[in-house]
Amino acid sequence: MMSDIGRWVIDRSCCQLNQWRNTGYDFTGHLAVNVAAAQLENEKVLQHILSSMERHQIAPGTIQVEITESSMKNAGRTALAT
């Protein structure tokens, strides 16, 4: 199950970008959001990111999803096991 904190971080990140835009701040970069291994195991993580972006009117490419190191370690173990 995707953690409540993980969902909150994604939603708040999109909300903050929207607030910056609404106050006139011209944010031209990317906002990086760390995604934990447990979140990546949830098939709904992508849908949650996309729906948060849509709800807060965030343009595609504005959110940069960063995969934590523990996710990469787990992926390596899974690859070796198969």
PDB file of N, CA and C in Angstrom:
ATOM      1  N   MET A   1       0.848  -1.188   0.000  1.00  0.00           N
ATOM      2  CA  MET A   1       0.000   0.000   0.000  1.00  0.00           C
ATOM      3  C   MET A   1       0.888   1.244   0.000  1.00  0.00           C
ATOM      4  N   MET A   2       0.564   2.165  -0.844  1.00  0.00           N
ATOM      5  CA  MET A   2       1.297   3.426  -0.889  1.00  0.00           C
ATOM      6  C   MET A   2       1.044   4.179   0.394  1.00  0.00           C
ATOM      7  N   SER A   3       2.098   4.650   1.024  1.00  0.00           N
ATOM      8  CA  SER A   3       1.950   5.290   2.324  1.00  0.00           C
ATOM      9  C   SER A   3       1.188   6.608   2.222  1.00  0.00           C
ATOM     10  N   ASP A   4       0.514   6.920   3.307  1.00  0.00           N
ATOM     11  CA  ASP A   4      -0.212   8.197   3.373  1.00  0.00           C
ATOM     12  C   ASP A   4       0.759   9.365   3.239  1.00  0.00           C
ATOM     13  N   ILE A   5       1.945   9.232   3.825  1.00  0.00           N
ATOM     14  CA  ILE A   5       2.941  10.308   3.739  1.00  0.00           C
ATOM     15  C   ILE A   5       3.402  10.495   2.299  1.00  0.00           C
ATOM     16  N   GLY A   6       3.631   9.395   1.603  1.00  0.00           N
ATOM     17  CA  GLY A   6       4.053   9.479   0.205  1.00  0.00           C
ATOM     18  C   GLY A   6       3.019  10.173  -0.660  1.00  0.00           C
ATOM     19  N   ARG A   7       1.763   9.834  -0.463  1.00  0.00           N
ATOM     20  CA  ARG A   7       0.682  10.495  -1.218  1.00  0.00           C
ATOM     21  C   ARG A   7       0.621  11.982  -0.865  1.00  0.00           C
ATOM     22  N   TRP A   8       0.773  12.282   0.422  1.00  0.00           N
ATOM     23  CA  TRP A   8       0.717  13.672   0.878  1.00  0.00           C
ATOM     24  C   TRP A   8       1.843  14.487   0.248  1.00  0.00           C
ATOM     25  N   VAL A   9       3.062  13.935   0.222  1.00  0.00           N
ATOM     26  CA  VAL A   9       4.207  14.655  -0.344  1.00  0.00           C
ATOM     27  C   VAL A   9       3.973  14.963  -1.816  1.00  0.00           C
ATOM     28  N   ILE A  10       3.497  13.995  -2.553  1.00  0.00           N
ATOM     29  CA  ILE A  10       3.226  14.212  -3.982  1.00  0.00           C
ATOM     30  C   ILE A  10       2.158  15.295  -4.162  1.00  0.00           C
ATOM     31  N   ASP A  11       1.076  15.197  -3.410  1.00  0.00           N
ATOM     32  CA  ASP A  11      -0.008  16.166  -3.544  1.00  0.00           C
ATOM     33  C   ASP A  11       0.429  17.560  -3.113  1.00  0.00           C
ATOM     34  N   ARG A  12       1.166  17.657  -2.006  1.00  0.00           N
ATOM     35  CA  ARG A  12       1.619  18.973  -1.526  1.00  0.00           C
ATOM     36  C   ARG A  12       2.619  19.599  -2.487  1.00  0.00           C
ATOM     37  N   SER A  13       3.430  18.781  -3.125  1.00  0.00           N
ATOM     38  CA  SER A  13       4.391  19.304  -4.100  1.00  0.00           C
ATOM     39  C   SER A  13       3.659  19.953  -5.270  1.00  0.00           C
ATOM     40  N   CYS A  14       2.654  19.276  -5.770  1.00  0.00           N
ATOM     41  CA  CYS A  14       1.858  19.836  -6.865  1.00  0.00           C
ATOM     42  C   CYS A  14       1.109  21.082  -6.412  1.00  0.00           C
ATOM     43  N   CYS A  15       0.559  21.032  -5.210  1.00  0.00           N
ATOM     44  CA  CYS A  15      -0.164  22.177  -4.659  1.00  0.00           C
ATOM     45  C   CYS A  15       0.761  23.386  -4.525  1.00  0.00           C
ATOM     46  N   GLN A  16       1.995  23.172  -4.045  1.00  0.00           N
ATOM     47  CA  GLN A  16       2.949  24.266  -3.869  1.00  0.00           C
ATOM     48  C   GLN A  16       3.314  24.893  -5.204  1.00  0.00           C
ATOM     49  N   LEU A  17       3.531  24.071  -6.215  1.00  0.00           N
ATOM     50  CA  LEU A  17       3.822  24.619  -7.544  1.00  0.00           C
ATOM     51  C   LEU A  17       2.675  25.491  -8.038  1.00  0.00           C
ATOM     52  N   ASN A  18       1.463  25.035  -7.819  1.00  0.00           N
ATOM     53  CA  ASN A  18       0.288  25.800  -8.218  1.00  0.00           C
ATOM     54  C   ASN A  18       0.217  27.124  -7.451  1.00  0.00           C
ATOM     55  N   GLN A  19       0.495  27.090  -6.163  1.00  0.00           N
ATOM     56  CA  GLN A  19       0.475  28.322  -5.361  1.00  0.00           C
ATOM     57  C   GLN A  19       1.530  29.304  -5.838  1.00  0.00           C
ATOM     58  N   TRP A  20       2.727  28.817  -6.127  1.00  0.00           N
ATOM     59  CA  TRP A  20       3.770  29.703  -6.640  1.00  0.00           C
ATOM     60  C   TRP A  20       3.311  30.363  -7.934  1.00  0.00           C
ATOM     61  N   ARG A  21       2.743  29.576  -8.826  1.00  0.00           N
ATOM     62  CA  ARG A  21       2.272  30.118 -10.108  1.00  0.00           C
ATOM     63  C   ARG A  21       1.182  31.170  -9.883  1.00  0.00           C
ATOM     64  N   ASN A  22       0.251  30.884  -8.963  1.00  0.00           N
ATOM     65  CA  ASN A  22      -0.858  31.806  -8.696  1.00  0.00           C
ATOM     66  C   ASN A  22      -0.424  33.108  -8.041  1.00  0.00           C
ATOM     67  N   THR A  23       0.741  33.099  -7.398  1.00  0.00           N
ATOM     68  CA  THR A  23       1.241  34.329  -6.779  1.00  0.00           C
ATOM     69  C   THR A  23       2.176  35.098  -7.716  1.00  0.00           C
ATOM     70  N   GLY A  24       2.328  34.600  -8.948  1.00  0.00           N
ATOM     71  CA  GLY A  24       3.127  35.311  -9.926  1.00  0.00           C
ATOM     72  C   GLY A  24       4.563  34.845 -10.032  1.00  0.00           C
ATOM     73  N   TYR A  25       4.961  33.859  -9.244  1.00  0.00           N
ATOM     74  CA  TYR A  25       6.323  33.347  -9.328  1.00  0.00           C
ATOM     75  C   TYR A  25       6.463  32.520 -10.594  1.00  0.00           C
ATOM     76  N   ASP A  26       7.432  32.869 -11.408  1.00  0.00           N
ATOM     77  CA  ASP A  26       7.646  32.186 -12.678  1.00  0.00           C
ATOM     78  C   ASP A  26       8.610  31.016 -12.462  1.00  0.00           C
ATOM     79  N   PHE A  27       8.058  29.875 -12.088  1.00  0.00           N
ATOM     80  CA  PHE A  27       8.859  28.680 -11.838  1.00  0.00           C
ATOM     81  C   PHE A  27       9.149  28.011 -13.171  1.00  0.00           C
ATOM     82  N   THR A  28      10.408  28.027 -13.585  1.00  0.00           N
ATOM     83  CA  THR A  28      10.757  27.504 -14.903  1.00  0.00           C
ATOM     84  C   THR A  28      11.518  26.182 -14.837  1.00  0.00           C
ATOM     85  N   GLY A  29      11.792  25.695 -13.649  1.00  0.00           N
ATOM     86  CA  GLY A  29      12.567  24.464 -13.523  1.00  0.00           C
ATOM     87  C   GLY A  29      11.687  23.254 -13.287  1.00  0.00           C
ATOM     88  N   HIS A  30      12.278  22.292 -12.616  1.00  0.00           N
ATOM     89  CA  HIS A  30      11.586  21.071 -12.244  1.00  0.00           C
ATOM     90  C   HIS A  30      11.576  20.958 -10.730  1.00  0.00           C
ATOM     91  N   LEU A  31      10.525  20.419 -10.191  1.00  0.00           N
ATOM     92  CA  LEU A  31      10.481  20.139  -8.763  1.00  0.00           C
ATOM     93  C   LEU A  31      10.690  18.639  -8.599  1.00  0.00           C
ATOM     94  N   ALA A  32      11.762  18.269  -7.902  1.00  0.00           N
ATOM     95  CA  ALA A  32      12.083  16.854  -7.699  1.00  0.00           C
ATOM     96  C   ALA A  32      11.347  16.330  -6.472  1.00  0.00           C
ATOM     97  N   VAL A  33      10.732  15.166  -6.634  1.00  0.00           N
ATOM     98  CA  VAL A  33      10.016  14.503  -5.544  1.00  0.00           C
ATOM     99  C   VAL A  33      10.599  13.102  -5.396  1.00  0.00           C
ATOM    100  N   ASN A  34      11.122  12.792  -4.202  1.00  0.00           N
ATOM    101  CA  ASN A  34      11.648  11.448  -3.946  1.00  0.00           C
ATOM    102  C   ASN A  34      10.504  10.464  -3.799  1.00  0.00           C
ATOM    103  N   VAL A  35      10.661   9.321  -4.429  1.00  0.00           N
ATOM    104  CA  VAL A  35       9.669   8.255  -4.331  1.00  0.00           C
ATOM    105  C   VAL A  35      10.364   7.045  -3.714  1.00  0.00           C
ATOM    106  N   ALA A  36       9.802   6.557  -2.633  1.00  0.00           N
ATOM    107  CA  ALA A  36      10.385   5.434  -1.909  1.00  0.00           C
ATOM    108  C   ALA A  36      10.072   4.109  -2.597  1.00  0.00           C
ATOM    109  N   ALA A  37      10.851   3.099  -2.236  1.00  0.00           N
ATOM    110  CA  ALA A  37      10.675   1.762  -2.816  1.00  0.00           C
ATOM    111  C   ALA A  37       9.256   1.248  -2.605  1.00  0.00           C
ATOM    112  N   ALA A  38       8.713   1.466  -1.430  1.00  0.00           N
ATOM    113  CA  ALA A  38       7.355   0.980  -1.139  1.00  0.00           C
ATOM    114  C   ALA A  38       6.330   1.621  -2.069  1.00  0.00           C
ATOM    115  N   GLN A  39       6.546   2.876  -2.420  1.00  0.00           N
ATOM    116  CA  GLN A  39       5.618   3.543  -3.344  1.00  0.00           C
ATOM    117  C   GLN A  39       5.709   2.944  -4.744  1.00  0.00           C
ATOM    118  N   LEU A  40       6.919   2.612  -5.167  1.00  0.00           N
ATOM    119  CA  LEU A  40       7.096   2.057  -6.509  1.00  0.00           C
ATOM    120  C   LEU A  40       6.472   0.683  -6.648  1.00  0.00           C
ATOM    121  N   GLU A  41       6.336  -0.010  -5.545  1.00  0.00           N
ATOM    122  CA  GLU A  41       5.717  -1.332  -5.574  1.00  0.00           C
ATOM    123  C   GLU A  41       4.205  -1.248  -5.739  1.00  0.00           C
ATOM    124  N   ASN A  42       3.664  -0.070  -5.521  1.00  0.00           N
ATOM    125  CA  ASN A  42       2.224   0.130  -5.652  1.00  0.00           C
ATOM    126  C   ASN A  42       1.901   0.509  -7.089  1.00  0.00           C
ATOM    127  N   GLU A  43       1.029  -0.243  -7.700  1.00  0.00           N
ATOM    128  CA  GLU A  43       0.687   0.012  -9.093  1.00  0.00           C
ATOM    129  C   GLU A  43      -0.073   1.315  -9.289  1.00  0.00           C
ATOM    130  N   LYS A  44      -0.548   1.927  -8.211  1.00  0.00           N
ATOM    131  CA  LYS A  44      -1.337   3.160  -8.324  1.00  0.00           C
ATOM    132  C   LYS A  44      -0.496   4.426  -8.177  1.00  0.00           C
ATOM    133  N   VAL A  45       0.816   4.291  -7.965  1.00  0.00           N
ATOM    134  CA  VAL A  45       1.642   5.474  -7.739  1.00  0.00           C
ATOM    135  C   VAL A  45       1.618   6.408  -8.954  1.00  0.00           C
ATOM    136  N   LEU A  46       1.726   5.875 -10.143  1.00  0.00           N
ATOM    137  CA  LEU A  46       1.703   6.722 -11.338  1.00  0.00           C
ATOM    138  C   LEU A  46       0.367   7.434 -11.472  1.00  0.00           C
ATOM    139  N   GLN A  47      -0.715   6.718 -11.244  1.00  0.00           N
ATOM    140  CA  GLN A  47      -2.041   7.340 -11.329  1.00  0.00           C
ATOM    141  C   GLN A  47      -2.190   8.455 -10.298  1.00  0.00           C
ATOM    142  N   HIS A  48      -1.641   8.244  -9.100  1.00  0.00           N
ATOM    143  CA  HIS A  48      -1.733   9.287  -8.069  1.00  0.00           C
ATOM    144  C   HIS A  48      -0.944  10.528  -8.486  1.00  0.00           C
ATOM    145  N   ILE A  49       0.246  10.330  -9.034  1.00  0.00           N
ATOM    146  CA  ILE A  49       1.050  11.471  -9.489  1.00  0.00           C
ATOM    147  C   ILE A  49       0.309  12.228 -10.590  1.00  0.00           C
ATOM    148  N   LEU A  50      -0.206  11.497 -11.567  1.00  0.00           N
ATOM    149  CA  LEU A  50      -0.913  12.146 -12.672  1.00  0.00           C
ATOM    150  C   LEU A  50      -2.176  12.867 -12.213  1.00  0.00           C
ATOM    151  N   SER A  51      -2.934  12.249 -11.307  1.00  0.00           N
ATOM    152  CA  SER A  51      -4.166  12.902 -10.845  1.00  0.00           C
ATOM    153  C   SER A  51      -3.848  14.132  -9.997  1.00  0.00           C
ATOM    154  N   SER A  52      -2.771  14.092  -9.215  1.00  0.00           N
ATOM    155  CA  SER A  52      -2.375  15.274  -8.433  1.00  0.00           C
ATOM    156  C   SER A  52      -1.949  16.405  -9.360  1.00  0.00           C
ATOM    157  N   MET A  53      -1.203  16.051 -10.406  1.00  0.00           N
ATOM    158  CA  MET A  53      -0.786  17.064 -11.371  1.00  0.00           C
ATOM    159  C   MET A  53      -1.993  17.685 -12.070  1.00  0.00           C
ATOM    160  N   GLU A  54      -2.931  16.856 -12.441  1.00  0.00           N
ATOM    161  CA  GLU A  54      -4.134  17.364 -13.109  1.00  0.00           C
ATOM    162  C   GLU A  54      -4.954  18.241 -12.169  1.00  0.00           C
ATOM    163  N   ARG A  55      -5.161  17.792 -10.936  1.00  0.00           N
ATOM    164  CA  ARG A  55      -5.963  18.533  -9.963  1.00  0.00           C
ATOM    165  C   ARG A  55      -5.373  19.917  -9.689  1.00  0.00           C
ATOM    166  N   HIS A  56      -4.045  20.010  -9.670  1.00  0.00           N
ATOM    167  CA  HIS A  56      -3.386  21.288  -9.366  1.00  0.00           C
ATOM    168  C   HIS A  56      -2.889  22.009 -10.621  1.00  0.00           C
ATOM    169  N   GLN A  57      -3.277  21.490 -11.798  1.00  0.00           N
ATOM    170  CA  GLN A  57      -2.962  22.106 -13.085  1.00  0.00           C
ATOM    171  C   GLN A  57      -1.453  22.283 -13.290  1.00  0.00           C
ATOM    172  N   ILE A  58      -0.728  21.198 -13.079  1.00  0.00           N
ATOM    173  CA  ILE A  58       0.719  21.197 -13.250  1.00  0.00           C
ATOM    174  C   ILE A  58       1.044  20.624 -14.621  1.00  0.00           C
ATOM    175  N   ALA A  59       1.856  21.332 -15.370  1.00  0.00           N
ATOM    176  CA  ALA A  59       2.221  20.907 -16.722  1.00  0.00           C
ATOM    177  C   ALA A  59       3.099  19.659 -16.685  1.00  0.00           C
ATOM    178  N   PRO A  60       2.930  18.785 -17.665  1.00  0.00           N
ATOM    179  CA  PRO A  60       3.809  17.617 -17.759  1.00  0.00           C
ATOM    180  C   PRO A  60       5.270  18.057 -17.836  1.00  0.00           C
ATOM    181  N   GLY A  61       6.135  17.312 -17.176  1.00  0.00           N
ATOM    182  CA  GLY A  61       7.554  17.636 -17.186  1.00  0.00           C
ATOM    183  C   GLY A  61       7.982  18.544 -16.056  1.00  0.00           C
ATOM    184  N   THR A  62       7.036  19.088 -15.306  1.00  0.00           N
ATOM    185  CA  THR A  62       7.378  19.985 -14.206  1.00  0.00           C
ATOM    186  C   THR A  62       7.805  19.213 -12.963  1.00  0.00           C
ATOM    187  N   ILE A  63       7.184  18.057 -12.742  1.00  0.00           N
ATOM    188  CA  ILE A  63       7.543  17.207 -11.608  1.00  0.00           C
ATOM    189  C   ILE A  63       8.574  16.195 -12.071  1.00  0.00           C
ATOM    190  N   GLN A  64       9.669  16.117 -11.333  1.00  0.00           N
ATOM    191  CA  GLN A  64      10.708  15.139 -11.628  1.00  0.00           C
ATOM    192  C   GLN A  64      10.687  14.102 -10.500  1.00  0.00           C
ATOM    193  N   VAL A  65      10.406  12.864 -10.838  1.00  0.00           N
ATOM    194  CA  VAL A  65      10.326  11.803  -9.841  1.00  0.00           C
ATOM    195  C   VAL A  65      11.723  11.228  -9.646  1.00  0.00           C
ATOM    196  N   GLU A  66      12.202  11.283  -8.412  1.00  0.00           N
ATOM    197  CA  GLU A  66      13.510  10.727  -8.082  1.00  0.00           C
ATOM    198  C   GLU A  66      13.312   9.412  -7.348  1.00  0.00           C
ATOM    199  N   ILE A  67      14.071   8.429  -7.754  1.00  0.00           N
ATOM    200  CA  ILE A  67      13.981   7.110  -7.134  1.00  0.00           C
ATOM    201  C   ILE A  67      15.062   7.012  -6.072  1.00  0.00           C
ATOM    202  N   THR A  68      14.667   6.649  -4.873  1.00  0.00           N
ATOM    203  CA  THR A  68      15.625   6.572  -3.771  1.00  0.00           C
ATOM    204  C   THR A  68      16.596   5.413  -3.976  1.00  0.00           C
ATOM    205  N   GLU A  69      17.741   5.506  -3.294  1.00  0.00           N
ATOM    206  CA  GLU A  69      18.771   4.484  -3.419  1.00  0.00           C
ATOM    207  C   GLU A  69      18.255   3.103  -3.010  1.00  0.00           C
ATOM    208  N   SER A  70      17.425   3.063  -1.985  1.00  0.00           N
ATOM    209  CA  SER A  70      16.913   1.764  -1.530  1.00  0.00           C
ATOM    210  C   SER A  70      16.072   1.107  -2.620  1.00  0.00           C
ATOM    211  N   SER A  71      15.423   1.900  -3.437  1.00  0.00           N
ATOM    212  CA  SER A  71      14.639   1.350  -4.550  1.00  0.00           C
ATOM    213  C   SER A  71      15.550   0.655  -5.545  1.00  0.00           C
ATOM    214  N   MET A  72      16.692   1.275  -5.806  1.00  0.00           N
ATOM    215  CA  MET A  72      17.630   0.693  -6.756  1.00  0.00           C
ATOM    216  C   MET A  72      18.245  -0.588  -6.200  1.00  0.00           C
ATOM    217  N   LYS A  73      18.545  -0.619  -4.903  1.00  0.00           N
ATOM    218  CA  LYS A  73      19.081  -1.836  -4.284  1.00  0.00           C
ATOM    219  C   LYS A  73      18.076  -2.971  -4.402  1.00  0.00           C
ATOM    220  N   ASN A  74      16.813  -2.661  -4.115  1.00  0.00           N
ATOM    221  CA  ASN A  74      15.769  -3.680  -4.204  1.00  0.00           C
ATOM    222  C   ASN A  74      15.591  -4.173  -5.632  1.00  0.00           C
ATOM    223  N   ALA A  75      15.685  -3.275  -6.584  1.00  0.00           N
ATOM    224  CA  ALA A  75      15.554  -3.649  -7.997  1.00  0.00           C
ATOM    225  C   ALA A  75      16.687  -4.582  -8.401  1.00  0.00           C
ATOM    226  N   GLY A  76      17.877  -4.311  -7.896  1.00  0.00           N
ATOM    227  CA  GLY A  76      19.022  -5.153  -8.205  1.00  0.00           C
ATOM    228  C   GLY A  76      18.849  -6.553  -7.632  1.00  0.00           C
ATOM    229  N   ARG A  77      18.346  -6.629  -6.407  1.00  0.00           N
ATOM    230  CA  ARG A  77      18.101  -7.939  -5.786  1.00  0.00           C
ATOM    231  C   ARG A  77      17.044  -8.709  -6.555  1.00  0.00           C
ATOM    232  N   THR A  78      16.007  -8.011  -6.987  1.00  0.00           N
ATOM    233  CA  THR A  78      14.937  -8.670  -7.742  1.00  0.00           C
ATOM    234  C   THR A  78      15.471  -9.194  -9.066  1.00  0.00           C
ATOM    235  N   ALA A  79      16.300  -8.402  -9.731  1.00  0.00           N
ATOM    236  CA  ALA A  79      16.875  -8.821 -11.012  1.00  0.00           C
ATOM    237  C   ALA A  79      17.767 -10.049 -10.833  1.00  0.00           C
ATOM    238  N   LEU A  80      18.554 -10.076  -9.766  1.00  0.00           N
ATOM    239  CA  LEU A  80      19.412 -11.219  -9.514  1.00  0.00           C
ATOM    240  C   LEU A  80      18.627 -12.471  -9.190  1.00  0.00           C
ATOM    241  N   ALA A  81      17.480 -12.305  -8.568  1.00  0.00           N
ATOM    242  CA  ALA A  81      16.669 -13.440  -8.160  1.00  0.00           C
ATOM    243  C   ALA A  81      15.940 -14.070  -9.333  1.00  0.00           C
ATOM    244  N   THR A  82      15.797 -13.338 -10.437  1.00  0.00           N
ATOM    245  CA  THR A  82      15.047 -13.890 -11.569  1.00  0.00           C
ATOM    246  C   THR A  82      15.939 -14.474 -12.630  1.00  0.00           C
TER     247      THR A  82
END
